[in-house]
PDB file of N, CA and C in Angstrom:
ATOM      1  N   MET A   1     -46.843 -16.441 -33.313  1.00  0.00           N
ATOM      2  CA  MET A   1     -45.341 -16.287 -33.288  1.00  0.00           C
ATOM      3  C   MET A   1     -45.316 -14.797 -32.597  1.00  0.00           C
ATOM      4  N   LEU A   2     -46.180 -14.031 -33.076  1.00  0.00           N
ATOM      5  CA  LEU A   2     -46.216 -12.501 -32.572  1.00  0.00           C
ATOM      6  C   LEU A   2     -46.688 -12.501 -31.180  1.00  0.00           C
ATOM      7  N   GLN A   3     -47.487 -13.310 -30.588  1.00  0.00           N
ATOM      8  CA  GLN A   3     -48.037 -13.414 -29.395  1.00  0.00           C
ATOM      9  C   GLN A   3     -46.647 -13.640 -28.643  1.00  0.00           C
ATOM     10  N   GLU A   4     -46.023 -14.543 -28.819  1.00  0.00           N
ATOM     11  CA  GLU A   4     -44.731 -14.814 -27.989  1.00  0.00           C
ATOM     12  C   GLU A   4     -43.866 -14.110 -28.027  1.00  0.00           C
ATOM     13  N   ILE A   5     -43.656 -13.410 -29.063  1.00  0.00           N
ATOM     14  CA  ILE A   5     -42.384 -12.488 -29.324  1.00  0.00           C
ATOM     15  C   ILE A   5     -42.731 -11.059 -28.442  1.00  0.00           C
ATOM     16  N   GLY A   6     -44.004 -10.712 -28.492  1.00  0.00           N
ATOM     17  CA  GLY A   6     -44.205  -9.424 -27.910  1.00  0.00           C
ATOM     18  C   GLY A   6     -44.105  -8.418 -28.329  1.00  0.00           C
ATOM     19  N   ASP A   7     -42.745  -7.791 -28.993  1.00  0.00           N
ATOM     20  CA  ASP A   7     -42.348  -6.477 -29.331  1.00  0.00           C
ATOM     21  C   ASP A   7     -41.935  -6.476 -30.732  1.00  0.00           C
ATOM     22  N   SER A   8     -42.008  -5.440 -31.751  1.00  0.00           N
ATOM     23  CA  SER A   8     -41.010  -5.332 -32.653  1.00  0.00           C
ATOM     24  C   SER A   8     -39.775  -5.755 -32.547  1.00  0.00           C
ATOM     25  N   ASP A   9     -38.999  -5.335 -31.685  1.00  0.00           N
ATOM     26  CA  ASP A   9     -37.573  -5.393 -32.023  1.00  0.00           C
ATOM     27  C   ASP A   9     -37.452  -6.980 -31.778  1.00  0.00           C
ATOM     28  N   ALA A  10     -38.106  -7.702 -30.698  1.00  0.00           N
ATOM     29  CA  ALA A  10     -38.021  -9.358 -30.814  1.00  0.00           C
ATOM     30  C   ALA A  10     -38.302  -9.831 -32.117  1.00  0.00           C
ATOM     31  N   PHE A  11     -39.505  -9.157 -32.777  1.00  0.00           N
ATOM     32  CA  PHE A  11     -39.887  -9.715 -33.964  1.00  0.00           C
ATOM     33  C   PHE A  11     -38.652  -9.604 -35.149  1.00  0.00           C
ATOM     34  N   TRP A  12     -38.476  -8.442 -35.250  1.00  0.00           N
ATOM     35  CA  TRP A  12     -37.321  -8.243 -36.253  1.00  0.00           C
ATOM     36  C   TRP A  12     -36.294  -9.328 -35.929  1.00  0.00           C
ATOM     37  N   ASP A  13     -35.707  -9.395 -34.676  1.00  0.00           N
ATOM     38  CA  ASP A  13     -34.735 -10.556 -34.282  1.00  0.00           C
ATOM     39  C   ASP A  13     -35.030 -11.876 -34.765  1.00  0.00           C
ATOM     40  N   GLU A  14     -35.872 -12.353 -34.385  1.00  0.00           N
ATOM     41  CA  GLU A  14     -36.835 -13.424 -35.116  1.00  0.00           C
ATOM     42  C   GLU A  14     -36.362 -13.661 -36.504  1.00  0.00           C
ATOM     43  N   TRP A  15     -37.272 -12.532 -36.989  1.00  0.00           N
ATOM     44  CA  TRP A  15     -37.302 -12.484 -38.607  1.00  0.00           C
ATOM     45  C   TRP A  15     -35.926 -12.646 -39.145  1.00  0.00           C
ATOM     46  N   GLY A  16     -34.815 -12.026 -38.472  1.00  0.00           N
ATOM     47  CA  GLY A  16     -33.383 -12.061 -39.131  1.00  0.00           C
ATOM     48  C   GLY A  16     -32.848 -13.693 -39.061  1.00  0.00           C
ATOM     49  N   ASP A  17     -33.304 -14.572 -37.778  1.00  0.00           N
ATOM     50  CA  ASP A  17     -32.696 -15.535 -37.789  1.00  0.00           C
ATOM     51  C   ASP A  17     -33.522 -16.553 -38.708  1.00  0.00           C
ATOM     52  N   PHE A  18     -34.861 -16.354 -38.813  1.00  0.00           N
ATOM     53  CA  PHE A  18     -35.680 -17.186 -39.909  1.00  0.00           C
ATOM     54  C   PHE A  18     -34.729 -17.126 -41.292  1.00  0.00           C
ATOM     55  N   THR A  19     -34.779 -15.698 -41.591  1.00  0.00           N
ATOM     56  CA  THR A  19     -33.870 -15.505 -42.909  1.00  0.00           C
ATOM     57  C   THR A  19     -32.805 -16.384 -42.936  1.00  0.00           C
ATOM     58  N   MET A  20     -32.119 -16.057 -42.244  1.00  0.00           N
ATOM     59  CA  MET A  20     -30.575 -16.460 -42.380  1.00  0.00           C
ATOM     60  C   MET A  20     -30.710 -18.231 -42.383  1.00  0.00           C
ATOM     61  N   ALA A  21     -31.675 -18.789 -41.555  1.00  0.00           N
ATOM     62  CA  ALA A  21     -31.977 -20.361 -41.711  1.00  0.00           C
ATOM     63  C   ALA A  21     -32.413 -20.727 -42.864  1.00  0.00           C
ATOM     64  N   LEU A  22     -33.370 -19.736 -43.352  1.00  0.00           N
ATOM     65  CA  LEU A  22     -33.760 -20.050 -44.709  1.00  0.00           C
ATOM     66  C   LEU A  22     -33.116 -20.204 -45.765  1.00  0.00           C
ATOM     67  N   GLN A  23     -31.966 -19.162 -45.988  1.00  0.00           N
ATOM     68  CA  GLN A  23     -30.951 -18.777 -46.703  1.00  0.00           C
ATOM     69  C   GLN A  23     -30.067 -20.391 -46.619  1.00  0.00           C
ATOM     70  N   CYS A  24     -29.688 -20.675 -45.603  1.00  0.00           N
ATOM     71  CA  CYS A  24     -28.775 -21.892 -45.014  1.00  0.00           C
ATOM     72  C   CYS A  24     -29.308 -22.882 -45.701  1.00  0.00           C
ATOM     73  N   TRP A  25     -30.578 -23.299 -45.485  1.00  0.00           N
ATOM     74  CA  TRP A  25     -31.285 -24.532 -45.838  1.00  0.00           C
ATOM     75  C   TRP A  25     -31.347 -24.727 -47.158  1.00  0.00           C
ATOM     76  N   LEU A  26     -31.876 -23.579 -47.934  1.00  0.00           N
ATOM     77  CA  LEU A  26     -31.695 -23.664 -49.245  1.00  0.00           C
ATOM     78  C   LEU A  26     -30.363 -23.732 -50.009  1.00  0.00           C
ATOM     79  N   SER A  27     -29.510 -23.248 -49.378  1.00  0.00           N
ATOM     80  CA  SER A  27     -28.233 -23.619 -50.148  1.00  0.00           C
ATOM     81  C   SER A  27     -27.654 -24.714 -49.865  1.00  0.00           C
ATOM     82  N   SER A  28     -28.044 -25.472 -48.754  1.00  0.00           N
ATOM     83  CA  SER A  28     -27.867 -27.060 -48.573  1.00  0.00           C
ATOM     84  C   SER A  28     -28.704 -27.875 -49.192  1.00  0.00           C
ATOM     85  N   VAL A  29     -29.653 -27.589 -49.724  1.00  0.00           N
ATOM     86  CA  VAL A  29     -30.407 -28.529 -50.636  1.00  0.00           C
ATOM     87  C   VAL A  29     -30.509 -28.287 -51.929  1.00  0.00           C
ATOM     88  N   THR A  30     -30.146 -27.264 -52.245  1.00  0.00           N
ATOM     89  CA  THR A  30     -29.850 -26.743 -53.869  1.00  0.00           C
ATOM     90  C   THR A  30     -28.083 -27.057 -54.118  1.00  0.00           C
ATOM     91  N   GLY A  31     -27.229 -26.761 -53.145  1.00  0.00           N
ATOM     92  CA  GLY A  31     -26.243 -26.739 -53.840  1.00  0.00           C
ATOM     93  C   GLY A  31     -25.863 -25.291 -53.969  1.00  0.00           C
ATOM     94  N   TRP A  32     -26.398 -24.381 -54.202  1.00  0.00           N
ATOM     95  CA  TRP A  32     -26.120 -23.043 -55.036  1.00  0.00           C
ATOM     96  C   TRP A  32     -25.204 -22.341 -53.618  1.00  0.00           C
ATOM     97  N   ASP A  33     -24.254 -21.668 -54.503  1.00  0.00           N
ATOM     98  CA  ASP A  33     -23.282 -20.821 -53.583  1.00  0.00           C
ATOM     99  C   ASP A  33     -23.667 -19.530 -53.709  1.00  0.00           C
ATOM    100  N   TRP A  34     -24.288 -18.669 -52.829  1.00  0.00           N
ATOM    101  CA  TRP A  34     -24.508 -17.425 -53.178  1.00  0.00           C
ATOM    102  C   TRP A  34     -24.167 -16.442 -51.838  1.00  0.00           C
ATOM    103  N   GLU A  35     -24.027 -15.313 -52.052  1.00  0.00           N
ATOM    104  CA  GLU A  35     -23.806 -14.462 -51.027  1.00  0.00           C
ATOM    105  C   GLU A  35     -25.237 -14.192 -50.224  1.00  0.00           C
ATOM    106  N   MET A  36     -25.378 -14.146 -48.977  1.00  0.00           N
ATOM    107  CA  MET A  36     -26.392 -14.074 -47.881  1.00  0.00           C
ATOM    108  C   MET A  36     -26.503 -12.745 -47.552  1.00  0.00           C
ATOM    109  N   TYR A  37     -28.111 -12.504 -47.309  1.00  0.00           N
ATOM    110  CA  TYR A  37     -28.658 -11.178 -47.067  1.00  0.00           C
ATOM    111  C   TYR A  37     -28.954 -11.351 -46.032  1.00  0.00           C
ATOM    112  N   LEU A  38     -28.607 -10.506 -44.891  1.00  0.00           N
ATOM    113  CA  LEU A  38     -29.257 -10.554 -43.475  1.00  0.00           C
ATOM    114  C   LEU A  38     -29.320  -9.309 -42.914  1.00  0.00           C
ATOM    115  N   PRO A  39     -30.611  -8.978 -42.011  1.00  0.00           N
ATOM    116  CA  PRO A  39     -30.140  -7.678 -41.467  1.00  0.00           C
ATOM    117  C   PRO A  39     -28.961  -7.595 -40.769  1.00  0.00           C
ATOM    118  N   LEU A  40     -28.475  -6.421 -40.526  1.00  0.00           N
ATOM    119  CA  LEU A  40     -27.168  -6.040 -39.595  1.00  0.00           C
ATOM    120  C   LEU A  40     -27.282  -6.965 -38.276  1.00  0.00           C
ATOM    121  N   MET A  41     -28.456  -6.554 -37.596  1.00  0.00           N
ATOM    122  CA  MET A  41     -28.313  -6.941 -36.125  1.00  0.00           C
ATOM    123  C   MET A  41     -28.410  -8.781 -36.032  1.00  0.00           C
ATOM    124  N   THR A  42     -28.744  -9.096 -37.191  1.00  0.00           N
ATOM    125  CA  THR A  42     -28.727 -10.596 -37.292  1.00  0.00           C
ATOM    126  C   THR A  42     -27.068 -11.206 -37.393  1.00  0.00           C
ATOM    127  N   GLU A  43     -26.644 -10.614 -38.403  1.00  0.00           N
ATOM    128  CA  GLU A  43     -25.159 -10.739 -38.626  1.00  0.00           C
ATOM    129  C   GLU A  43     -24.142 -10.297 -37.227  1.00  0.00           C
ATOM    130  N   VAL A  44     -24.373  -9.441 -37.002  1.00  0.00           N
ATOM    131  CA  VAL A  44     -23.743  -8.784 -35.532  1.00  0.00           C
ATOM    132  C   VAL A  44     -23.990 -10.052 -34.349  1.00  0.00           C
ATOM    133  N   LYS A  45     -25.118 -10.265 -34.294  1.00  0.00           N
ATOM    134  CA  LYS A  45     -25.685 -11.417 -33.079  1.00  0.00           C
ATOM    135  C   LYS A  45     -24.624 -12.825 -33.783  1.00  0.00           C
ATOM    136  N   TYR A  46     -24.982 -13.141 -34.675  1.00  0.00           N
ATOM    137  CA  TYR A  46     -24.050 -14.481 -35.313  1.00  0.00           C
ATOM    138  C   TYR A  46     -22.788 -14.084 -35.102  1.00  0.00           C
ATOM    139  N   ARG A  47     -21.870 -13.113 -35.583  1.00  0.00           N
ATOM    140  CA  ARG A  47     -20.483 -13.092 -35.310  1.00  0.00           C
ATOM    141  C   ARG A  47     -19.790 -13.095 -33.765  1.00  0.00           C
ATOM    142  N   LYS A  48     -21.066 -12.804 -33.035  1.00  0.00           N
ATOM    143  CA  LYS A  48     -20.779 -12.528 -31.319  1.00  0.00           C
ATOM    144  C   LYS A  48     -20.740 -13.945 -31.069  1.00  0.00           C
ATOM    145  N   ARG A  49     -21.687 -14.551 -31.307  1.00  0.00           N
ATOM    146  CA  ARG A  49     -21.933 -15.971 -30.885  1.00  0.00           C
ATOM    147  C   ARG A  49     -20.843 -17.219 -31.364  1.00  0.00           C
ATOM    148  N   ILE A  50     -20.517 -16.844 -32.922  1.00  0.00           N
ATOM    149  CA  ILE A  50     -19.196 -17.769 -33.233  1.00  0.00           C
ATOM    150  C   ILE A  50     -17.968 -17.313 -32.307  1.00  0.00           C
ATOM    151  N   THR A  51     -17.838 -15.829 -32.127  1.00  0.00           N
ATOM    152  CA  THR A  51     -16.658 -15.446 -31.185  1.00  0.00           C
ATOM    153  C   THR A  51     -16.636 -16.218 -30.009  1.00  0.00           C
ATOM    154  N   ARG A  52     -17.935 -16.328 -29.354  1.00  0.00           N
ATOM    155  CA  ARG A  52     -18.107 -17.030 -27.785  1.00  0.00           C
ATOM    156  C   ARG A  52     -17.567 -18.462 -28.012  1.00  0.00           C
ATOM    157  N   TRP A  53     -18.423 -18.842 -28.848  1.00  0.00           N
ATOM    158  CA  TRP A  53     -17.892 -20.564 -29.016  1.00  0.00           C
ATOM    159  C   TRP A  53     -16.722 -20.647 -29.191  1.00  0.00           C
ATOM    160  N   GLU A  54     -15.916 -19.931 -30.334  1.00  0.00           N
ATOM    161  CA  GLU A  54     -14.565 -19.971 -30.263  1.00  0.00           C
ATOM    162  C   GLU A  54     -13.696 -20.019 -29.138  1.00  0.00           C
ATOM    163  N   THR A  55     -13.985 -18.985 -28.305  1.00  0.00           N
ATOM    164  CA  THR A  55     -13.586 -19.043 -26.617  1.00  0.00           C
ATOM    165  C   THR A  55     -13.767 -20.165 -26.064  1.00  0.00           C
ATOM    166  N   ILE A  56     -14.942 -20.767 -25.801  1.00  0.00           N
ATOM    167  CA  ILE A  56     -15.630 -21.575 -24.813  1.00  0.00           C
ATOM    168  C   ILE A  56     -14.407 -22.872 -25.624  1.00  0.00           C
ATOM    169  N   PHE A  57     -14.489 -23.042 -26.641  1.00  0.00           N
ATOM    170  CA  PHE A  57     -13.674 -24.173 -27.417  1.00  0.00           C
ATOM    171  C   PHE A  57     -12.421 -24.177 -26.957  1.00  0.00           C
ATOM    172  N   ALA A  58     -11.702 -22.930 -27.003  1.00  0.00           N
ATOM    173  CA  ALA A  58     -10.358 -22.844 -26.832  1.00  0.00           C
ATOM    174  C   ALA A  58     -10.054 -22.853 -25.405  1.00  0.00           C
ATOM    175  N   ASP A  59     -10.814 -22.599 -24.501  1.00  0.00           N
ATOM    176  CA  ASP A  59     -10.646 -22.528 -23.201  1.00  0.00           C
ATOM    177  C   ASP A  59     -10.426 -24.284 -22.348  1.00  0.00           C
ATOM    178  N   HIS A  60     -11.236 -24.855 -23.574  1.00  0.00           N
ATOM    179  CA  HIS A  60     -11.085 -26.639 -23.312  1.00  0.00           C
ATOM    180  C   HIS A  60      -9.989 -27.227 -24.051  1.00  0.00           C
ATOM    181  N   GLY A  61      -9.160 -26.373 -24.864  1.00  0.00           N
ATOM    182  CA  GLY A  61      -7.978 -27.158 -25.541  1.00  0.00           C
ATOM    183  C   GLY A  61      -8.835 -27.748 -26.830  1.00  0.00           C
ATOM    184  N   LEU A  62     -10.314 -27.296 -27.666  1.00  0.00           N
ATOM    185  CA  LEU A  62     -10.598 -27.808 -28.573  1.00  0.00           C
ATOM    186  C   LEU A  62     -10.507 -26.664 -29.727  1.00  0.00           C
ATOM    187  N   ALA A  63     -10.559 -27.223 -30.724  1.00  0.00           N
ATOM    188  CA  ALA A  63     -10.736 -26.393 -32.101  1.00  0.00           C
ATOM    189  C   ALA A  63     -12.316 -26.313 -32.408  1.00  0.00           C
ATOM    190  N   PHE A  64     -12.696 -25.021 -32.517  1.00  0.00           N
ATOM    191  CA  PHE A  64     -14.179 -24.752 -32.826  1.00  0.00           C
ATOM    192  C   PHE A  64     -14.330 -25.082 -34.145  1.00  0.00           C
ATOM    193  N   ASP A  65     -15.504 -25.647 -34.578  1.00  0.00           N
ATOM    194  CA  ASP A  65     -16.272 -26.155 -35.759  1.00  0.00           C
ATOM    195  C   ASP A  65     -17.596 -26.120 -35.700  1.00  0.00           C
ATOM    196  N   PRO A  66     -18.404 -25.120 -36.270  1.00  0.00           N
ATOM    197  CA  PRO A  66     -20.047 -25.301 -36.432  1.00  0.00           C
ATOM    198  C   PRO A  66     -20.528 -26.813 -36.291  1.00  0.00           C
ATOM    199  N   LYS A  67     -19.905 -27.664 -37.216  1.00  0.00           N
ATOM    200  CA  LYS A  67     -20.445 -29.196 -36.856  1.00  0.00           C
ATOM    201  C   LYS A  67     -20.806 -29.598 -35.356  1.00  0.00           C
ATOM    202  N   TYR A  68     -20.143 -28.707 -34.483  1.00  0.00           N
ATOM    203  CA  TYR A  68     -20.379 -29.477 -33.125  1.00  0.00           C
ATOM    204  C   TYR A  68     -21.816 -28.440 -32.658  1.00  0.00           C
ATOM    205  N   LEU A  69     -22.184 -27.850 -33.233  1.00  0.00           N
ATOM    206  CA  LEU A  69     -23.449 -27.228 -32.950  1.00  0.00           C
ATOM    207  C   LEU A  69     -24.803 -27.878 -33.195  1.00  0.00           C
ATOM    208  N   ILE A  70     -24.689 -29.172 -33.456  1.00  0.00           N
ATOM    209  CA  ILE A  70     -25.934 -30.074 -33.972  1.00  0.00           C
ATOM    210  C   ILE A  70     -27.240 -29.784 -33.050  1.00  0.00           C
ATOM    211  N   ASN A  71     -26.799 -29.849 -31.970  1.00  0.00           N
ATOM    212  CA  ASN A  71     -27.962 -29.583 -31.039  1.00  0.00           C
ATOM    213  C   ASN A  71     -28.212 -28.598 -30.531  1.00  0.00           C
ATOM    214  N   GLY A  72     -27.896 -27.444 -31.074  1.00  0.00           N
ATOM    215  CA  GLY A  72     -28.317 -26.094 -30.909  1.00  0.00           C
ATOM    216  C   GLY A  72     -27.049 -25.286 -30.794  1.00  0.00           C
ATOM    217  N   GLY A  73     -27.362 -23.678 -30.868  1.00  0.00           N
ATOM    218  CA  GLY A  73     -26.015 -23.232 -30.671  1.00  0.00           C
ATOM    219  C   GLY A  73     -26.055 -21.995 -29.614  1.00  0.00           C
ATOM    220  N   ASN A  74     -27.002 -22.311 -28.939  1.00  0.00           N
ATOM    221  CA  ASN A  74     -27.125 -21.585 -27.507  1.00  0.00           C
ATOM    222  C   ASN A  74     -26.365 -21.483 -26.513  1.00  0.00           C
ATOM    223  N   HIS A  75     -24.935 -20.706 -26.725  1.00  0.00           N
ATOM    224  CA  HIS A  75     -24.088 -20.742 -25.639  1.00  0.00           C
ATOM    225  C   HIS A  75     -24.353 -20.302 -24.273  1.00  0.00           C
ATOM    226  N   GLU A  76     -25.140 -20.074 -23.963  1.00  0.00           N
ATOM    227  CA  GLU A  76     -26.109 -19.382 -22.674  1.00  0.00           C
ATOM    228  C   GLU A  76     -26.710 -20.641 -21.758  1.00  0.00           C
ATOM    229  N   LYS A  77     -26.944 -21.716 -22.587  1.00  0.00           N
ATOM    230  CA  LYS A  77     -27.693 -22.989 -22.057  1.00  0.00           C
ATOM    231  C   LYS A  77     -26.501 -23.829 -21.967  1.00  0.00           C
ATOM    232  N   PRO A  78     -26.082 -24.579 -20.755  1.00  0.00           N
ATOM    233  CA  PRO A  78     -25.019 -25.396 -20.034  1.00  0.00           C
ATOM    234  C   PRO A  78     -25.180 -26.449 -20.732  1.00  0.00           C
ATOM    235  N   GLU A  79     -26.338 -26.964 -21.117  1.00  0.00           N
ATOM    236  CA  GLU A  79     -26.526 -28.633 -21.719  1.00  0.00           C
ATOM    237  C   GLU A  79     -25.656 -28.368 -23.174  1.00  0.00           C
ATOM    238  N   LYS A  80     -26.540 -27.252 -23.768  1.00  0.00           N
ATOM    239  CA  LYS A  80     -25.850 -27.058 -25.444  1.00  0.00           C
ATOM    240  C   LYS A  80     -24.347 -27.255 -25.260  1.00  0.00           C
ATOM    241  N   VAL A  81     -23.514 -26.536 -24.389  1.00  0.00           N
ATOM    242  CA  VAL A  81     -22.240 -26.272 -24.242  1.00  0.00           C
ATOM    243  C   VAL A  81     -21.625 -27.577 -24.121  1.00  0.00           C
ATOM    244  N   ALA A  82     -22.196 -28.303 -23.081  1.00  0.00           N
ATOM    245  CA  ALA A  82     -21.803 -29.602 -22.761  1.00  0.00           C
ATOM    246  C   ALA A  82     -21.880 -30.628 -23.912  1.00  0.00           C
ATOM    247  N   GLN A  83     -22.962 -30.694 -24.327  1.00  0.00           N
ATOM    248  CA  GLN A  83     -23.136 -31.519 -25.684  1.00  0.00           C
ATOM    249  C   GLN A  83     -22.093 -30.959 -26.913  1.00  0.00           C
ATOM    250  N   ALA A  84     -21.973 -29.934 -27.234  1.00  0.00           N
ATOM    251  CA  ALA A  84     -20.743 -29.184 -28.146  1.00  0.00           C
ATOM    252  C   ALA A  84     -19.475 -29.737 -27.809  1.00  0.00           C
ATOM    253  N   LEU A  85     -19.004 -29.587 -26.805  1.00  0.00           N
ATOM    254  CA  LEU A  85     -17.646 -29.857 -26.091  1.00  0.00           C
ATOM    255  C   LEU A  85     -17.718 -31.480 -25.956  1.00  0.00           C
ATOM    256  N   GLU A  86     -18.684 -31.980 -25.768  1.00  0.00           N
ATOM    257  CA  GLU A  86     -18.295 -33.769 -25.936  1.00  0.00           C
ATOM    258  C   GLU A  86     -18.480 -34.388 -27.095  1.00  0.00           C
ATOM    259  N   LEU A  87     -19.170 -33.735 -28.190  1.00  0.00           N
ATOM    260  CA  LEU A  87     -18.866 -33.932 -29.768  1.00  0.00           C
ATOM    261  C   LEU A  87     -17.513 -33.453 -30.061  1.00  0.00           C
ATOM    262  N   ALA A  88     -17.016 -32.405 -29.752  1.00  0.00           N
ATOM    263  CA  ALA A  88     -15.607 -32.076 -30.361  1.00  0.00           C
ATOM    264  C   ALA A  88     -14.832 -33.131 -29.734  1.00  0.00           C
ATOM    265  N   ARG A  89     -14.661 -33.149 -28.570  1.00  0.00           N
ATOM    266  CA  ARG A  89     -13.748 -34.224 -27.761  1.00  0.00           C
ATOM    267  C   ARG A  89     -13.768 -35.497 -28.638  1.00  0.00           C
ATOM    268  N   LYS A  90     -15.315 -36.033 -28.780  1.00  0.00           N
ATOM    269  CA  LYS A  90     -14.620 -37.305 -29.445  1.00  0.00           C
ATOM    270  C   LYS A  90     -14.406 -37.470 -30.714  1.00  0.00           C
ATOM    271  N   ASP A  91     -14.609 -36.100 -31.462  1.00  0.00           N
ATOM    272  CA  ASP A  91     -13.957 -35.968 -33.009  1.00  0.00           C
ATOM    273  C   ASP A  91     -12.756 -35.840 -32.693  1.00  0.00           C
ATOM    274  N   GLN A  92     -12.014 -35.069 -31.867  1.00  0.00           N
ATOM    275  CA  GLN A  92     -10.660 -34.521 -31.995  1.00  0.00           C
ATOM    276  C   GLN A  92      -9.741 -35.177 -31.085  1.00  0.00           C
ATOM    277  N   ASP A  93     -10.408 -36.482 -30.331  1.00  0.00           N
ATOM    278  CA  ASP A  93      -9.544 -37.035 -29.386  1.00  0.00           C
ATOM    279  C   ASP A  93      -9.416 -38.502 -30.050  1.00  0.00           C
ATOM    280  N   GLY A  94     -10.362 -39.045 -30.726  1.00  0.00           N
ATOM    281  CA  GLY A  94     -10.475 -40.304 -31.460  1.00  0.00           C
ATOM    282  C   GLY A  94     -10.369 -40.116 -32.741  1.00  0.00           C
TER     283      GLY A  94
END
């Protein structure tokens, strides 16, 4: 992992993503509801991504829900955006 990441900033970025994913997974399998603890940079990155997704969906006349991101949440990849919008259209139009 470190070899691919290359520098300490990237490491901590990945570590934040990992800790958030682990806490989400634990919550989903245990049913526990607790406050998540994240590095600030991870929370800021997450909130920016959600805001960007909300804008993308609004631009297409759709309501955003994270459930449409089952194929990935990277809004910079056109295929991920297309897949999310397709799921939303099927869900909201039908």
